[in-house]
């Protein structure tokens, strides 16, 4: 018999909800990254894959820049390195095949919703 079976049968509660809430990290964006921003990032990635051949080194560079921005914002919510994000976005904005799409416009709108305006 395992400890968990015993606890379950005796209806013992190991953690009270207040304790669990303290253990879990608080999300400033309320799952925003898991939904809208992630979808916007994925849609821009699809645009890049359509516009550029997979073997094209620029395709990999643009996708890496896109993922860098997402990772920087997700992992450094308190203090994202804005100058690096701005540099990556500036590069993406110079590529008309990406920049002139509805998907990229939506991506920028998602950044604006997060009060992140890296490009003036």
N, C-alpha and C. Protein backbone atom coordinates (compact mmCIF):
# COMPACT_ATOMS: atom_id res chain seq x y z
N UNK A 1 0.85 -1.17 0.00
CA UNK A 1 0.00 0.00 0.00
C UNK A 1 0.90 1.25 0.00
N UNK A 2 0.52 2.23 -0.78
CA UNK A 2 1.33 3.43 -0.85
C UNK A 2 0.78 4.51 0.08
N UNK A 3 1.59 5.46 0.33
CA UNK A 3 1.19 6.57 1.21
C UNK A 3 0.01 7.32 0.61
N UNK A 4 0.06 7.52 -0.70
CA UNK A 4 -1.03 8.28 -1.34
C UNK A 4 -2.36 7.55 -1.24
N UNK A 5 -2.34 6.23 -1.38
CA UNK A 5 -3.58 5.46 -1.23
C UNK A 5 -4.14 5.63 0.18
N UNK A 6 -3.28 5.56 1.16
CA UNK A 6 -3.67 5.69 2.56
C UNK A 6 -4.26 7.09 2.82
N UNK A 7 -3.58 8.10 2.32
CA UNK A 7 -4.06 9.47 2.50
C UNK A 7 -5.42 9.66 1.82
N UNK A 8 -5.55 9.10 0.65
CA UNK A 8 -6.80 9.23 -0.10
C UNK A 8 -7.96 8.55 0.63
N UNK A 9 -7.73 7.35 1.13
CA UNK A 9 -8.77 6.62 1.84
C UNK A 9 -9.20 7.33 3.12
N UNK A 10 -8.26 7.94 3.80
CA UNK A 10 -8.58 8.62 5.05
C UNK A 10 -9.03 10.06 4.84
N UNK A 11 -9.09 10.46 3.57
CA UNK A 11 -9.56 11.81 3.20
C UNK A 11 -8.74 12.91 3.90
N UNK A 12 -7.43 12.72 3.87
CA UNK A 12 -6.53 13.69 4.48
C UNK A 12 -6.13 14.71 3.42
N UNK A 13 -6.19 15.98 3.79
CA UNK A 13 -5.81 17.05 2.87
C UNK A 13 -4.38 17.50 3.22
N UNK A 14 -3.45 17.30 2.26
CA UNK A 14 -2.05 17.65 2.51
C UNK A 14 -1.81 19.16 2.45
N UNK A 15 -2.47 19.82 1.51
CA UNK A 15 -2.28 21.25 1.33
C UNK A 15 -3.63 21.95 1.34
N UNK A 16 -3.67 23.09 1.98
CA UNK A 16 -4.87 23.91 1.91
C UNK A 16 -4.72 24.81 0.69
N UNK A 17 -5.82 25.23 0.06
CA UNK A 17 -5.74 26.03 -1.16
C UNK A 17 -4.85 27.28 -1.01
N UNK A 18 -4.86 27.90 0.15
CA UNK A 18 -4.04 29.10 0.34
C UNK A 18 -2.55 28.79 0.19
N UNK A 19 -2.15 27.60 0.69
CA UNK A 19 -0.75 27.19 0.56
C UNK A 19 -0.38 26.95 -0.89
N UNK A 20 -1.26 26.32 -1.62
CA UNK A 20 -1.00 26.04 -3.04
C UNK A 20 -0.87 27.35 -3.81
N UNK A 21 -1.73 28.32 -3.53
CA UNK A 21 -1.65 29.61 -4.22
C UNK A 21 -0.32 30.30 -3.96
N UNK A 22 0.24 30.11 -2.79
CA UNK A 22 1.53 30.71 -2.48
C UNK A 22 2.66 29.99 -3.20
N UNK A 23 2.51 28.71 -3.44
CA UNK A 23 3.55 27.94 -4.11
C UNK A 23 3.60 28.20 -5.61
N UNK A 24 2.45 28.47 -6.20
CA UNK A 24 2.39 28.69 -7.64
C UNK A 24 2.80 30.12 -7.98
N UNK A 25 3.54 30.29 -9.07
CA UNK A 25 3.93 31.65 -9.45
C UNK A 25 2.71 32.43 -9.95
N UNK A 26 2.71 33.68 -9.64
CA UNK A 26 1.61 34.55 -10.09
C UNK A 26 1.88 34.95 -11.53
N UNK A 27 0.84 34.98 -12.34
CA UNK A 27 0.97 35.36 -13.74
C UNK A 27 0.46 36.77 -13.94
N UNK A 28 1.34 37.63 -14.38
CA UNK A 28 0.94 39.00 -14.67
C UNK A 28 0.05 39.08 -15.89
N UNK A 29 0.20 38.13 -16.77
CA UNK A 29 -0.51 38.20 -18.04
C UNK A 29 -1.68 37.22 -18.12
N UNK A 30 -2.02 36.55 -17.02
CA UNK A 30 -3.19 35.68 -16.96
C UNK A 30 -3.27 34.74 -18.16
N UNK A 31 -2.26 33.94 -18.31
CA UNK A 31 -2.18 32.96 -19.40
C UNK A 31 -2.16 33.60 -20.78
N UNK A 32 -1.85 34.88 -20.84
CA UNK A 32 -1.80 35.59 -22.11
C UNK A 32 -0.79 34.93 -23.04
N UNK A 33 0.37 34.58 -22.49
CA UNK A 33 1.41 33.99 -23.32
C UNK A 33 0.99 32.64 -23.85
N UNK A 34 0.21 31.92 -23.08
CA UNK A 34 -0.19 30.60 -23.52
C UNK A 34 -1.28 30.66 -24.58
N UNK A 35 -1.85 31.81 -24.79
CA UNK A 35 -2.96 31.90 -25.72
C UNK A 35 -2.68 32.89 -26.85
N UNK A 36 -3.07 34.12 -26.65
CA UNK A 36 -3.02 35.10 -27.73
C UNK A 36 -1.62 35.38 -28.25
N UNK A 37 -0.68 35.65 -27.37
CA UNK A 37 0.66 35.99 -27.84
C UNK A 37 1.33 34.78 -28.49
N UNK A 38 1.15 33.61 -27.91
CA UNK A 38 1.72 32.40 -28.51
C UNK A 38 1.12 32.14 -29.88
N UNK A 39 -0.17 32.35 -30.01
CA UNK A 39 -0.82 32.17 -31.31
C UNK A 39 -0.33 33.19 -32.32
N UNK A 40 -0.18 34.44 -31.89
CA UNK A 40 0.33 35.48 -32.79
C UNK A 40 1.75 35.14 -33.23
N UNK A 41 2.57 34.66 -32.31
CA UNK A 41 3.94 34.27 -32.65
C UNK A 41 3.94 33.11 -33.64
N UNK A 42 3.10 32.13 -33.39
CA UNK A 42 3.00 30.98 -34.29
C UNK A 42 2.54 31.40 -35.68
N UNK A 43 1.59 32.33 -35.75
CA UNK A 43 1.10 32.79 -37.05
C UNK A 43 2.18 33.52 -37.84
N UNK A 44 3.01 34.30 -37.16
CA UNK A 44 4.12 34.98 -37.84
C UNK A 44 5.14 33.93 -38.30
N UNK A 45 5.37 32.93 -37.48
CA UNK A 45 6.29 31.85 -37.88
C UNK A 45 5.79 31.18 -39.16
N UNK A 46 4.50 30.93 -39.25
CA UNK A 46 3.93 30.32 -40.45
C UNK A 46 4.13 31.20 -41.68
N UNK A 47 3.99 32.52 -41.49
CA UNK A 47 4.24 33.46 -42.59
C UNK A 47 5.68 33.34 -43.06
N UNK A 48 6.60 33.31 -42.12
CA UNK A 48 8.02 33.19 -42.46
C UNK A 48 8.27 31.89 -43.23
N UNK A 49 7.68 30.81 -42.77
CA UNK A 49 7.87 29.53 -43.43
C UNK A 49 7.29 29.52 -44.84
N UNK A 50 6.19 30.24 -45.06
CA UNK A 50 5.58 30.32 -46.39
C UNK A 50 6.41 31.19 -47.34
N UNK A 51 6.91 32.29 -46.82
CA UNK A 51 7.60 33.27 -47.66
C UNK A 51 9.03 32.86 -48.00
N UNK A 52 9.65 32.09 -47.14
CA UNK A 52 11.05 31.72 -47.33
C UNK A 52 11.18 30.20 -47.36
N UNK A 53 12.06 29.71 -48.19
CA UNK A 53 12.31 28.27 -48.23
C UNK A 53 12.95 27.83 -46.93
N UNK A 54 12.68 26.61 -46.54
CA UNK A 54 13.20 26.10 -45.26
C UNK A 54 14.72 26.12 -45.21
N UNK A 55 15.36 25.91 -46.35
CA UNK A 55 16.83 25.88 -46.39
C UNK A 55 17.43 27.28 -46.35
N UNK A 56 16.62 28.28 -46.57
CA UNK A 56 17.11 29.65 -46.59
C UNK A 56 17.57 30.04 -45.18
N UNK A 57 18.84 30.45 -45.02
CA UNK A 57 19.32 30.80 -43.69
C UNK A 57 18.55 31.97 -43.07
N UNK A 58 17.99 32.83 -43.91
CA UNK A 58 17.21 33.96 -43.37
C UNK A 58 15.96 33.46 -42.65
N UNK A 59 15.37 32.40 -43.17
CA UNK A 59 14.18 31.84 -42.53
C UNK A 59 14.48 31.44 -41.09
N UNK A 60 15.57 30.72 -40.90
CA UNK A 60 15.95 30.29 -39.55
C UNK A 60 16.27 31.50 -38.66
N UNK A 61 16.92 32.50 -39.22
CA UNK A 61 17.25 33.70 -38.46
C UNK A 61 15.99 34.41 -38.00
N UNK A 62 15.03 34.60 -38.89
CA UNK A 62 13.80 35.30 -38.54
C UNK A 62 12.99 34.53 -37.50
N UNK A 63 12.94 33.22 -37.65
CA UNK A 63 12.22 32.39 -36.68
C UNK A 63 12.92 32.45 -35.32
N UNK A 64 14.24 32.40 -35.33
CA UNK A 64 14.98 32.51 -34.07
C UNK A 64 14.76 33.86 -33.39
N UNK A 65 14.69 34.93 -34.17
CA UNK A 65 14.41 36.25 -33.60
C UNK A 65 13.02 36.28 -32.97
N UNK A 66 12.07 35.69 -33.65
CA UNK A 66 10.69 35.64 -33.15
C UNK A 66 10.63 34.87 -31.83
N UNK A 67 11.29 33.72 -31.78
CA UNK A 67 11.29 32.92 -30.56
C UNK A 67 12.09 33.59 -29.46
N UNK A 68 13.14 34.30 -29.83
CA UNK A 68 13.91 35.04 -28.83
C UNK A 68 13.02 36.06 -28.12
N UNK A 69 12.24 36.80 -28.90
CA UNK A 69 11.34 37.81 -28.32
C UNK A 69 10.36 37.14 -27.36
N UNK A 70 9.77 36.05 -27.79
CA UNK A 70 8.81 35.35 -26.95
C UNK A 70 9.47 34.86 -25.66
N UNK A 71 10.61 34.24 -25.77
CA UNK A 71 11.32 33.73 -24.59
C UNK A 71 11.71 34.86 -23.65
N UNK A 72 12.19 35.95 -24.21
CA UNK A 72 12.62 37.08 -23.38
C UNK A 72 11.44 37.65 -22.60
N UNK A 73 10.31 37.76 -23.24
CA UNK A 73 9.13 38.29 -22.56
C UNK A 73 8.55 37.30 -21.56
N UNK A 74 8.59 36.03 -21.88
CA UNK A 74 8.02 35.02 -20.98
C UNK A 74 8.91 34.78 -19.77
N UNK A 75 10.21 34.73 -19.98
CA UNK A 75 11.12 34.37 -18.90
C UNK A 75 11.59 35.57 -18.08
N UNK A 76 11.44 36.74 -18.60
CA UNK A 76 11.89 37.95 -17.90
C UNK A 76 10.76 38.95 -17.79
N UNK A 77 9.62 38.50 -17.29
CA UNK A 77 8.43 39.36 -17.22
C UNK A 77 8.68 40.62 -16.40
N UNK A 78 9.48 40.51 -15.38
CA UNK A 78 9.73 41.67 -14.51
C UNK A 78 10.66 42.66 -15.18
N UNK A 79 11.70 42.18 -15.84
CA UNK A 79 12.69 43.07 -16.41
C UNK A 79 13.21 42.53 -17.75
N UNK A 80 12.34 42.52 -18.79
CA UNK A 80 12.82 42.03 -20.09
C UNK A 80 13.89 42.99 -20.64
N UNK A 81 14.84 42.44 -21.37
CA UNK A 81 15.91 43.26 -21.94
C UNK A 81 15.37 43.94 -23.19
N UNK A 82 14.80 45.12 -22.97
CA UNK A 82 14.11 45.84 -24.03
C UNK A 82 15.00 46.16 -25.22
N UNK A 83 16.26 46.50 -24.98
CA UNK A 83 17.13 46.85 -26.10
C UNK A 83 17.36 45.65 -27.03
N UNK A 84 17.41 44.44 -26.48
CA UNK A 84 17.57 43.26 -27.32
C UNK A 84 16.27 42.94 -28.07
N UNK A 85 15.15 43.09 -27.40
CA UNK A 85 13.86 42.87 -28.04
C UNK A 85 13.66 43.89 -29.15
N UNK A 86 13.99 45.14 -28.87
CA UNK A 86 13.86 46.21 -29.87
C UNK A 86 14.72 45.90 -31.09
N UNK A 87 15.92 45.42 -30.87
CA UNK A 87 16.81 45.09 -31.97
C UNK A 87 16.22 43.96 -32.82
N UNK A 88 15.71 42.92 -32.16
CA UNK A 88 15.11 41.80 -32.88
C UNK A 88 13.88 42.25 -33.67
N UNK A 89 13.03 43.07 -33.06
CA UNK A 89 11.84 43.56 -33.76
C UNK A 89 12.21 44.48 -34.92
N UNK A 90 13.22 45.29 -34.73
CA UNK A 90 13.66 46.19 -35.80
C UNK A 90 14.09 45.36 -37.01
N UNK A 91 14.81 44.29 -36.76
CA UNK A 91 15.23 43.42 -37.86
C UNK A 91 14.01 42.83 -38.56
N UNK A 92 13.04 42.33 -37.80
CA UNK A 92 11.84 41.75 -38.41
C UNK A 92 11.05 42.80 -39.18
N UNK A 93 11.01 44.02 -38.67
CA UNK A 93 10.25 45.08 -39.33
C UNK A 93 10.88 45.51 -40.65
N UNK A 94 12.16 45.25 -40.84
CA UNK A 94 12.81 45.64 -42.10
C UNK A 94 12.54 44.64 -43.22
N UNK A 95 11.95 43.51 -42.90
CA UNK A 95 11.67 42.48 -43.90
C UNK A 95 10.22 42.66 -44.37
N UNK A 96 10.06 43.23 -45.57
CA UNK A 96 8.72 43.56 -46.05
C UNK A 96 7.84 42.32 -46.20
N UNK A 97 8.42 41.15 -46.50
CA UNK A 97 7.62 39.93 -46.64
C UNK A 97 6.96 39.54 -45.32
N UNK A 98 7.53 39.98 -44.21
CA UNK A 98 6.97 39.69 -42.89
C UNK A 98 6.15 40.88 -42.41
N UNK A 99 6.77 42.03 -42.45
CA UNK A 99 6.24 43.26 -41.89
C UNK A 99 4.90 43.67 -42.51
N UNK A 100 4.68 43.39 -43.78
CA UNK A 100 3.46 43.82 -44.46
C UNK A 100 2.33 42.80 -44.40
N UNK A 101 2.32 41.98 -43.38
CA UNK A 101 1.27 40.96 -43.27
C UNK A 101 0.33 41.27 -42.11
N UNK A 102 -0.87 40.76 -42.23
CA UNK A 102 -1.84 40.90 -41.13
C UNK A 102 -1.34 40.19 -39.87
N UNK A 103 -0.66 39.09 -40.06
CA UNK A 103 -0.16 38.32 -38.92
C UNK A 103 0.86 39.12 -38.11
N UNK A 104 1.75 39.84 -38.81
CA UNK A 104 2.74 40.63 -38.09
C UNK A 104 2.07 41.83 -37.42
N UNK A 105 1.08 42.41 -38.09
CA UNK A 105 0.33 43.51 -37.46
C UNK A 105 -0.35 43.04 -36.18
N UNK A 106 -0.91 41.85 -36.21
CA UNK A 106 -1.55 41.27 -35.03
C UNK A 106 -0.52 41.02 -33.93
N UNK A 107 0.64 40.56 -34.33
CA UNK A 107 1.74 40.32 -33.40
C UNK A 107 2.12 41.62 -32.68
N UNK A 108 2.23 42.69 -33.43
CA UNK A 108 2.55 43.98 -32.83
C UNK A 108 1.43 44.45 -31.90
N UNK A 109 0.20 44.16 -32.26
CA UNK A 109 -0.93 44.52 -31.39
C UNK A 109 -0.85 43.77 -30.06
N UNK A 110 -0.42 42.51 -30.12
CA UNK A 110 -0.27 41.74 -28.89
C UNK A 110 0.81 42.37 -28.00
N UNK A 111 1.90 42.81 -28.60
CA UNK A 111 2.94 43.49 -27.83
C UNK A 111 2.40 44.77 -27.20
N UNK A 112 1.56 45.48 -27.94
CA UNK A 112 0.97 46.71 -27.42
C UNK A 112 0.03 46.41 -26.25
N UNK A 113 -0.71 45.33 -26.32
CA UNK A 113 -1.61 44.94 -25.22
C UNK A 113 -0.84 44.67 -23.94
N UNK A 114 0.41 44.26 -24.10
CA UNK A 114 1.24 43.99 -22.94
C UNK A 114 1.99 45.23 -22.48
N UNK A 115 1.56 46.38 -23.02
CA UNK A 115 2.21 47.66 -22.71
C UNK A 115 3.69 47.63 -23.05
N UNK A 116 3.99 46.98 -24.14
CA UNK A 116 5.38 46.89 -24.58
C UNK A 116 5.46 47.56 -25.94
N UNK A 117 6.07 48.72 -25.96
CA UNK A 117 6.20 49.49 -27.19
C UNK A 117 7.68 49.67 -27.50
N UNK A 118 8.31 48.64 -28.03
CA UNK A 118 9.76 48.73 -28.22
C UNK A 118 10.18 49.59 -29.40
N UNK A 119 9.32 49.73 -30.39
CA UNK A 119 9.69 50.52 -31.56
C UNK A 119 8.85 51.76 -31.63
N UNK A 120 9.50 52.90 -31.63
CA UNK A 120 8.79 54.18 -31.64
C UNK A 120 8.51 54.59 -33.06
